[in-house]
Amino acid sequence: MLDSVVRSYRNWKRYRATYDELSRLSNRELNDLGISRADISHFARASMK
């Protein structure tokens, strides 16, 4: 059970780090990457896998 909690926490930290990093980018930088602001949470969730 503890493994599950630790894994969930690490996944959440990875999600937040990715989300925060992408959120700091300007719209132009996101556009250069082919990402819209609406897609940030999708890409952050994908980083957890």
PDB file of N, CA and C in Angstrom:
ATOM      1  N   MET A   1       0.818  -1.198   0.000  1.00  0.00           N
ATOM      2  CA  MET A   1       0.000   0.000   0.000  1.00  0.00           C
ATOM      3  C   MET A   1       0.860   1.259   0.000  1.00  0.00           C
ATOM      4  N   LEU A   2       1.928   1.229   0.763  1.00  0.00           N
ATOM      5  CA  LEU A   2       2.813   2.383   0.816  1.00  0.00           C
ATOM      6  C   LEU A   2       3.429   2.654  -0.561  1.00  0.00           C
ATOM      7  N   ASP A   3       3.735   1.583  -1.283  1.00  0.00           N
ATOM      8  CA  ASP A   3       4.271   1.758  -2.641  1.00  0.00           C
ATOM      9  C   ASP A   3       3.306   2.523  -3.523  1.00  0.00           C
ATOM     10  N   SER A   4       2.026   2.216  -3.387  1.00  0.00           N
ATOM     11  CA  SER A   4       1.005   2.881  -4.187  1.00  0.00           C
ATOM     12  C   SER A   4       0.939   4.375  -3.857  1.00  0.00           C
ATOM     13  N   VAL A   5       1.040   4.699  -2.589  1.00  0.00           N
ATOM     14  CA  VAL A   5       1.004   6.101  -2.169  1.00  0.00           C
ATOM     15  C   VAL A   5       2.229   6.835  -2.694  1.00  0.00           C
ATOM     16  N   VAL A   6       3.391   6.214  -2.578  1.00  0.00           N
ATOM     17  CA  VAL A   6       4.636   6.831  -3.056  1.00  0.00           C
ATOM     18  C   VAL A   6       4.579   7.018  -4.567  1.00  0.00           C
ATOM     19  N   ARG A   7       4.095   6.021  -5.277  1.00  0.00           N
ATOM     20  CA  ARG A   7       3.988   6.106  -6.740  1.00  0.00           C
ATOM     21  C   ARG A   7       3.026   7.221  -7.147  1.00  0.00           C
ATOM     22  N   SER A   8       1.908   7.304  -6.456  1.00  0.00           N
ATOM     23  CA  SER A   8       0.936   8.363  -6.749  1.00  0.00           C
ATOM     24  C   SER A   8       1.521   9.740  -6.502  1.00  0.00           C
ATOM     25  N   TYR A   9       2.246   9.887  -5.423  1.00  0.00           N
ATOM     26  CA  TYR A   9       2.879  11.170  -5.106  1.00  0.00           C
ATOM     27  C   TYR A   9       3.915  11.549  -6.159  1.00  0.00           C
ATOM     28  N   ARG A  10       4.724  10.596  -6.563  1.00  0.00           N
ATOM     29  CA  ARG A  10       5.737  10.875  -7.599  1.00  0.00           C
ATOM     30  C   ARG A  10       5.079  11.249  -8.925  1.00  0.00           C
ATOM     31  N   ASN A  11       4.002  10.563  -9.265  1.00  0.00           N
ATOM     32  CA  ASN A  11       3.271  10.900 -10.489  1.00  0.00           C
ATOM     33  C   ASN A  11       2.699  12.305 -10.411  1.00  0.00           C
ATOM     34  N   TRP A  12       2.132  12.635  -9.252  1.00  0.00           N
ATOM     35  CA  TRP A  12       1.584  13.982  -9.067  1.00  0.00           C
ATOM     36  C   TRP A  12       2.687  15.024  -9.183  1.00  0.00           C
ATOM     37  N   LYS A  13       3.849  14.782  -8.582  1.00  0.00           N
ATOM     38  CA  LYS A  13       4.962  15.737  -8.671  1.00  0.00           C
ATOM     39  C   LYS A  13       5.411  15.924 -10.123  1.00  0.00           C
ATOM     40  N   ARG A  14       5.472  14.831 -10.880  1.00  0.00           N
ATOM     41  CA  ARG A  14       5.860  14.901 -12.289  1.00  0.00           C
ATOM     42  C   ARG A  14       4.834  15.701 -13.084  1.00  0.00           C
ATOM     43  N   TYR A  15       3.551  15.448 -12.795  1.00  0.00           N
ATOM     44  CA  TYR A  15       2.474  16.193 -13.451  1.00  0.00           C
ATOM     45  C   TYR A  15       2.616  17.688 -13.162  1.00  0.00           C
ATOM     46  N   ARG A  16       2.760  18.050 -11.877  1.00  0.00           N
ATOM     47  CA  ARG A  16       2.853  19.469 -11.489  1.00  0.00           C
ATOM     48  C   ARG A  16       4.071  20.133 -12.101  1.00  0.00           C
ATOM     49  N   ALA A  17       5.199  19.440 -12.123  1.00  0.00           N
ATOM     50  CA  ALA A  17       6.418  20.021 -12.694  1.00  0.00           C
ATOM     51  C   ALA A  17       6.232  20.291 -14.178  1.00  0.00           C
ATOM     52  N   THR A  18       5.665  19.332 -14.892  1.00  0.00           N
ATOM     53  CA  THR A  18       5.421  19.504 -16.328  1.00  0.00           C
ATOM     54  C   THR A  18       4.409  20.607 -16.572  1.00  0.00           C
ATOM     55  N   TYR A  19       3.320  20.580 -15.822  1.00  0.00           N
ATOM     56  CA  TYR A  19       2.272  21.593 -15.968  1.00  0.00           C
ATOM     57  C   TYR A  19       2.833  22.989 -15.699  1.00  0.00           C
ATOM     58  N   ASP A  20       3.562  23.126 -14.607  1.00  0.00           N
ATOM     59  CA  ASP A  20       4.123  24.439 -14.253  1.00  0.00           C
ATOM     60  C   ASP A  20       5.116  24.937 -15.302  1.00  0.00           C
ATOM     61  N   GLU A  21       5.968  24.036 -15.791  1.00  0.00           N
ATOM     62  CA  GLU A  21       6.954  24.431 -16.794  1.00  0.00           C
ATOM     63  C   GLU A  21       6.280  24.878 -18.095  1.00  0.00           C
ATOM     64  N   LEU A  22       5.295  24.131 -18.552  1.00  0.00           N
ATOM     65  CA  LEU A  22       4.588  24.515 -19.775  1.00  0.00           C
ATOM     66  C   LEU A  22       3.786  25.797 -19.572  1.00  0.00           C
ATOM     67  N   SER A  23       3.248  25.981 -18.394  1.00  0.00           N
ATOM     68  CA  SER A  23       2.457  27.181 -18.111  1.00  0.00           C
ATOM     69  C   SER A  23       3.303  28.451 -18.133  1.00  0.00           C
ATOM     70  N   ARG A  24       4.580  28.313 -17.812  1.00  0.00           N
ATOM     71  CA  ARG A  24       5.477  29.475 -17.812  1.00  0.00           C
ATOM     72  C   ARG A  24       5.859  29.938 -19.223  1.00  0.00           C
ATOM     73  N   LEU A  25       5.660  29.071 -20.216  1.00  0.00           N
ATOM     74  CA  LEU A  25       6.013  29.435 -21.583  1.00  0.00           C
ATOM     75  C   LEU A  25       5.015  30.441 -22.137  1.00  0.00           C
ATOM     76  N   SER A  26       5.500  31.268 -23.036  1.00  0.00           N
ATOM     77  CA  SER A  26       4.614  32.230 -23.693  1.00  0.00           C
ATOM     78  C   SER A  26       3.764  31.496 -24.734  1.00  0.00           C
ATOM     79  N   ASN A  27       2.729  32.159 -25.197  1.00  0.00           N
ATOM     80  CA  ASN A  27       1.884  31.564 -26.232  1.00  0.00           C
ATOM     81  C   ASN A  27       2.691  31.272 -27.487  1.00  0.00           C
ATOM     82  N   ARG A  28       3.622  32.141 -27.805  1.00  0.00           N
ATOM     83  CA  ARG A  28       4.457  31.931 -28.991  1.00  0.00           C
ATOM     84  C   ARG A  28       5.337  30.697 -28.832  1.00  0.00           C
ATOM     85  N   GLU A  29       5.934  30.535 -27.643  1.00  0.00           N
ATOM     86  CA  GLU A  29       6.769  29.354 -27.406  1.00  0.00           C
ATOM     87  C   GLU A  29       5.944  28.077 -27.459  1.00  0.00           C
ATOM     88  N   LEU A  30       4.757  28.116 -26.877  1.00  0.00           N
ATOM     89  CA  LEU A  30       3.874  26.952 -26.943  1.00  0.00           C
ATOM     90  C   LEU A  30       3.502  26.646 -28.388  1.00  0.00           C
ATOM     91  N   ASN A  31       3.199  27.684 -29.149  1.00  0.00           N
ATOM     92  CA  ASN A  31       2.849  27.505 -30.554  1.00  0.00           C
ATOM     93  C   ASN A  31       4.005  26.879 -31.330  1.00  0.00           C
ATOM     94  N   ASP A  32       5.232  27.296 -31.029  1.00  0.00           N
ATOM     95  CA  ASP A  32       6.409  26.709 -31.682  1.00  0.00           C
ATOM     96  C   ASP A  32       6.504  25.208 -31.402  1.00  0.00           C
ATOM     97  N   LEU A  33       6.031  24.801 -30.230  1.00  0.00           N
ATOM     98  CA  LEU A  33       6.044  23.387 -29.860  1.00  0.00           C
ATOM     99  C   LEU A  33       4.812  22.637 -30.359  1.00  0.00           C
ATOM    100  N   GLY A  34       3.859  23.374 -30.904  1.00  0.00           N
ATOM    101  CA  GLY A  34       2.635  22.755 -31.388  1.00  0.00           C
ATOM    102  C   GLY A  34       1.650  22.453 -30.273  1.00  0.00           C
ATOM    103  N   ILE A  35       1.719  23.241 -29.193  1.00  0.00           N
ATOM    104  CA  ILE A  35       0.858  23.033 -28.025  1.00  0.00           C
ATOM    105  C   ILE A  35       0.036  24.296 -27.798  1.00  0.00           C
ATOM    106  N   SER A  36      -1.245  24.122 -27.523  1.00  0.00           N
ATOM    107  CA  SER A  36      -2.064  25.269 -27.143  1.00  0.00           C
ATOM    108  C   SER A  36      -2.193  25.273 -25.619  1.00  0.00           C
ATOM    109  N   ARG A  37      -2.583  26.389 -25.058  1.00  0.00           N
ATOM    110  CA  ARG A  37      -2.763  26.474 -23.592  1.00  0.00           C
ATOM    111  C   ARG A  37      -3.766  25.436 -23.106  1.00  0.00           C
ATOM    112  N   ALA A  38      -4.768  25.164 -23.910  1.00  0.00           N
ATOM    113  CA  ALA A  38      -5.791  24.191 -23.522  1.00  0.00           C
ATOM    114  C   ALA A  38      -5.233  22.765 -23.457  1.00  0.00           C
ATOM    115  N   ASP A  39      -4.108  22.517 -24.117  1.00  0.00           N
ATOM    116  CA  ASP A  39      -3.511  21.180 -24.156  1.00  0.00           C
ATOM    117  C   ASP A  39      -2.512  20.919 -23.034  1.00  0.00           C
ATOM    118  N   ILE A  40      -2.211  21.924 -22.238  1.00  0.00           N
ATOM    119  CA  ILE A  40      -1.169  21.772 -21.220  1.00  0.00           C
ATOM    120  C   ILE A  40      -1.489  20.626 -20.266  1.00  0.00           C
ATOM    121  N   SER A  41      -2.690  20.559 -19.755  1.00  0.00           N
ATOM    122  CA  SER A  41      -3.019  19.491 -18.802  1.00  0.00           C
ATOM    123  C   SER A  41      -2.935  18.118 -19.455  1.00  0.00           C
ATOM    124  N   HIS A  42      -3.283  18.031 -20.738  1.00  0.00           N
ATOM    125  CA  HIS A  42      -3.177  16.758 -21.460  1.00  0.00           C
ATOM    126  C   HIS A  42      -1.721  16.303 -21.521  1.00  0.00           C
ATOM    127  N   PHE A  43      -0.812  17.196 -21.893  1.00  0.00           N
ATOM    128  CA  PHE A  43       0.593  16.844 -21.978  1.00  0.00           C
ATOM    129  C   PHE A  43       1.188  16.549 -20.601  1.00  0.00           C
ATOM    130  N   ALA A  44       0.737  17.269 -19.590  1.00  0.00           N
ATOM    131  CA  ALA A  44       1.215  17.006 -18.231  1.00  0.00           C
ATOM    132  C   ALA A  44       0.756  15.630 -17.765  1.00  0.00           C
ATOM    133  N   ARG A  45      -0.489  15.261 -18.068  1.00  0.00           N
ATOM    134  CA  ARG A  45      -0.978  13.930 -17.710  1.00  0.00           C
ATOM    135  C   ARG A  45      -0.204  12.852 -18.440  1.00  0.00           C
ATOM    136  N   ALA A  46       0.141  13.110 -19.696  1.00  0.00           N
ATOM    137  CA  ALA A  46       0.886  12.121 -20.485  1.00  0.00           C
ATOM    138  C   ALA A  46       2.293  11.916 -19.916  1.00  0.00           C
ATOM    139  N   SER A  47       2.833  12.910 -19.214  1.00  0.00           N
ATOM    140  CA  SER A  47       4.171  12.776 -18.650  1.00  0.00           C
ATOM    141  C   SER A  47       4.197  11.804 -17.477  1.00  0.00           C
ATOM    142  N   MET A  48       3.042  11.475 -16.931  1.00  0.00           N
ATOM    143  CA  MET A  48       2.976  10.573 -15.788  1.00  0.00           C
ATOM    144  C   MET A  48       3.111   9.111 -16.196  1.00  0.00           C
ATOM    145  N   LYS A  49       2.996   8.824 -17.461  1.00  0.00           N
ATOM    146  CA  LYS A  49       3.026   7.421 -17.921  1.00  0.00           C
ATOM    147  C   LYS A  49       4.425   6.951 -18.172  1.00  0.00           C
TER     148      LYS A  49
END
